[in-house]
Amino acid sequence: MNVSRDDEKSFRLSGPQLFSAIDIIGCFSLWHLQDSVCSIFTTNMAWNCYRPITGSVIEIKAEALGFVKNFATVEITISVIGSKRRKAATALATAYLRGFDGDKPAFFNETCG
């Protein structure tokens, strides 16, 4: 089966952002993908979440790129695969990326402590 990647966003966290990649993924899934059926793959730290409402799969991957003086650099990639409502799904990923400012993403401070 062929799937198309409608959108892909990626960014890196480094310096004082000391919360783990798995916490980011878990928090995102808990608060933003509650209508999804998710499965976790710990080997590559990826969530694949099927969203029945949009008919899309949102794939979130986290990869630790390295540590410098106890500070981790983590690359997060959000992909929207086979979305029937590409605009809505892309907006979700974009809003998540824009939430990062300072030590933690804005929604993380508000909802995840």
Protein backbone atom coordinates (compact mmCIF):
# COMPACT_ATOMS: atom_id res chain seq x y z
CA MET A 1 0.00 0.00 0.00
CA ASN A 2 1.39 3.38 -0.96
CA VAL A 3 0.99 6.29 1.40
CA SER A 4 1.79 9.89 0.72
CA ARG A 5 3.37 12.21 3.22
CA ASP A 6 1.15 15.25 3.03
CA ASP A 7 3.30 17.27 5.36
CA GLU A 8 6.38 16.88 7.49
CA LYS A 9 7.73 19.21 10.12
CA SER A 10 10.91 18.73 12.09
CA PHE A 11 12.85 20.71 14.63
CA ARG A 12 15.57 20.20 17.20
CA LEU A 13 15.61 20.75 20.93
CA SER A 14 18.88 21.48 22.70
CA GLY A 15 20.45 23.42 25.53
CA PRO A 16 18.24 23.93 28.58
CA GLN A 17 15.34 21.83 27.26
CA LEU A 18 15.91 18.88 29.58
CA PHE A 19 12.58 17.09 29.41
CA SER A 20 12.94 13.80 27.58
CA ALA A 21 11.79 13.11 24.04
CA ILE A 22 9.47 10.39 25.23
CA ASP A 23 7.76 12.90 27.55
CA ILE A 24 7.18 15.23 24.62
CA ILE A 25 5.67 12.46 22.55
CA GLY A 26 3.55 11.17 25.44
CA CYS A 27 2.26 14.62 26.31
CA PHE A 28 1.45 15.41 22.70
CA SER A 29 -0.44 12.18 22.32
CA LEU A 30 -2.29 12.55 25.60
CA TRP A 31 -3.57 16.07 25.02
CA HIS A 32 -3.79 16.40 21.25
CA LEU A 33 -4.56 12.93 19.94
CA GLN A 34 -7.24 11.74 22.34
CA ASP A 35 -9.43 10.60 19.46
CA SER A 36 -6.63 8.48 18.04
CA VAL A 37 -5.58 4.89 18.23
CA CYS A 38 -1.87 5.05 19.05
CA SER A 39 0.91 2.56 19.27
CA ILE A 40 4.41 3.18 20.57
CA PHE A 41 7.60 1.73 19.15
CA THR A 42 10.32 2.18 21.74
CA THR A 43 13.16 1.10 19.46
CA ASN A 44 12.95 4.22 17.30
CA MET A 45 10.83 6.26 19.72
CA ALA A 46 7.96 6.81 17.30
CA TRP A 47 4.23 7.16 17.70
CA ASN A 48 1.94 6.22 14.84
CA CYS A 49 -1.52 7.57 15.54
CA TYR A 50 -4.53 6.97 13.36
CA ARG A 51 -7.06 9.76 13.69
CA PRO A 52 -10.53 8.49 12.74
CA ILE A 53 -11.95 12.01 12.44
CA THR A 54 -9.44 13.19 9.83
CA GLY A 55 -8.66 9.79 8.36
CA SER A 56 -4.96 10.45 8.73
CA VAL A 57 -1.97 8.91 10.41
CA ILE A 58 0.22 11.28 12.40
CA GLU A 59 3.70 9.91 12.91
CA ILE A 60 5.87 11.49 15.59
CA LYS A 61 9.52 10.46 15.86
CA ALA A 62 12.13 11.48 18.38
CA GLU A 63 15.82 10.85 17.96
CA ALA A 64 18.55 11.78 20.40
CA LEU A 65 21.33 13.33 18.34
CA GLY A 66 23.88 13.62 21.14
CA PHE A 67 24.79 15.05 24.49
CA VAL A 68 27.09 17.98 25.21
CA LYS A 69 27.82 18.80 28.86
CA ASN A 70 24.71 16.89 29.97
CA PHE A 71 22.48 18.78 27.53
CA ALA A 72 20.61 16.67 25.05
CA THR A 73 19.89 17.56 21.45
CA VAL A 74 16.74 15.85 20.22
CA GLU A 75 15.22 16.00 16.76
CA ILE A 76 11.45 15.70 16.57
CA THR A 77 9.73 14.96 13.27
CA ILE A 78 5.97 15.18 12.82
CA SER A 79 4.59 13.64 9.65
CA VAL A 80 1.01 13.69 8.43
CA ILE A 81 0.40 10.64 6.25
CA GLY A 82 -2.59 10.07 3.98
CA SER A 83 -4.72 12.81 5.48
CA LYS A 84 -8.22 13.39 4.13
CA ARG A 85 -8.17 16.77 5.81
CA ARG A 86 -4.64 17.86 5.16
CA LYS A 87 -5.23 21.46 6.15
CA ALA A 88 -6.50 20.61 9.64
CA ALA A 89 -3.82 18.01 10.28
CA THR A 90 -1.05 20.32 9.06
CA ALA A 91 -2.37 23.10 11.29
CA LEU A 92 -2.13 20.76 14.26
CA ALA A 93 1.51 19.97 13.58
CA THR A 94 2.35 23.61 12.89
CA ALA A 95 0.68 24.81 16.08
CA TYR A 96 2.67 22.27 18.05
CA LEU A 97 5.94 23.49 16.54
CA ARG A 98 5.12 27.13 17.17
CA GLY A 99 4.45 26.32 20.81
CA PHE A 100 8.18 25.92 21.43
CA ASP A 101 9.64 29.05 22.94
CA GLY A 102 12.19 28.96 25.73
CA ASP A 103 12.69 25.93 27.93
CA LYS A 104 9.41 24.14 27.24
CA PRO A 105 6.57 24.32 24.72
CA ALA A 106 3.71 26.56 25.79
CA PHE A 107 1.15 23.77 25.99
CA PHE A 108 3.60 21.68 28.03
CA ASN A 109 3.67 24.32 30.77
CA GLU A 110 -0.10 24.61 30.80
CA THR A 111 -1.19 21.00 30.61
CA CYS A 112 1.71 18.73 31.48
CA GLY A 113 3.49 20.55 34.28
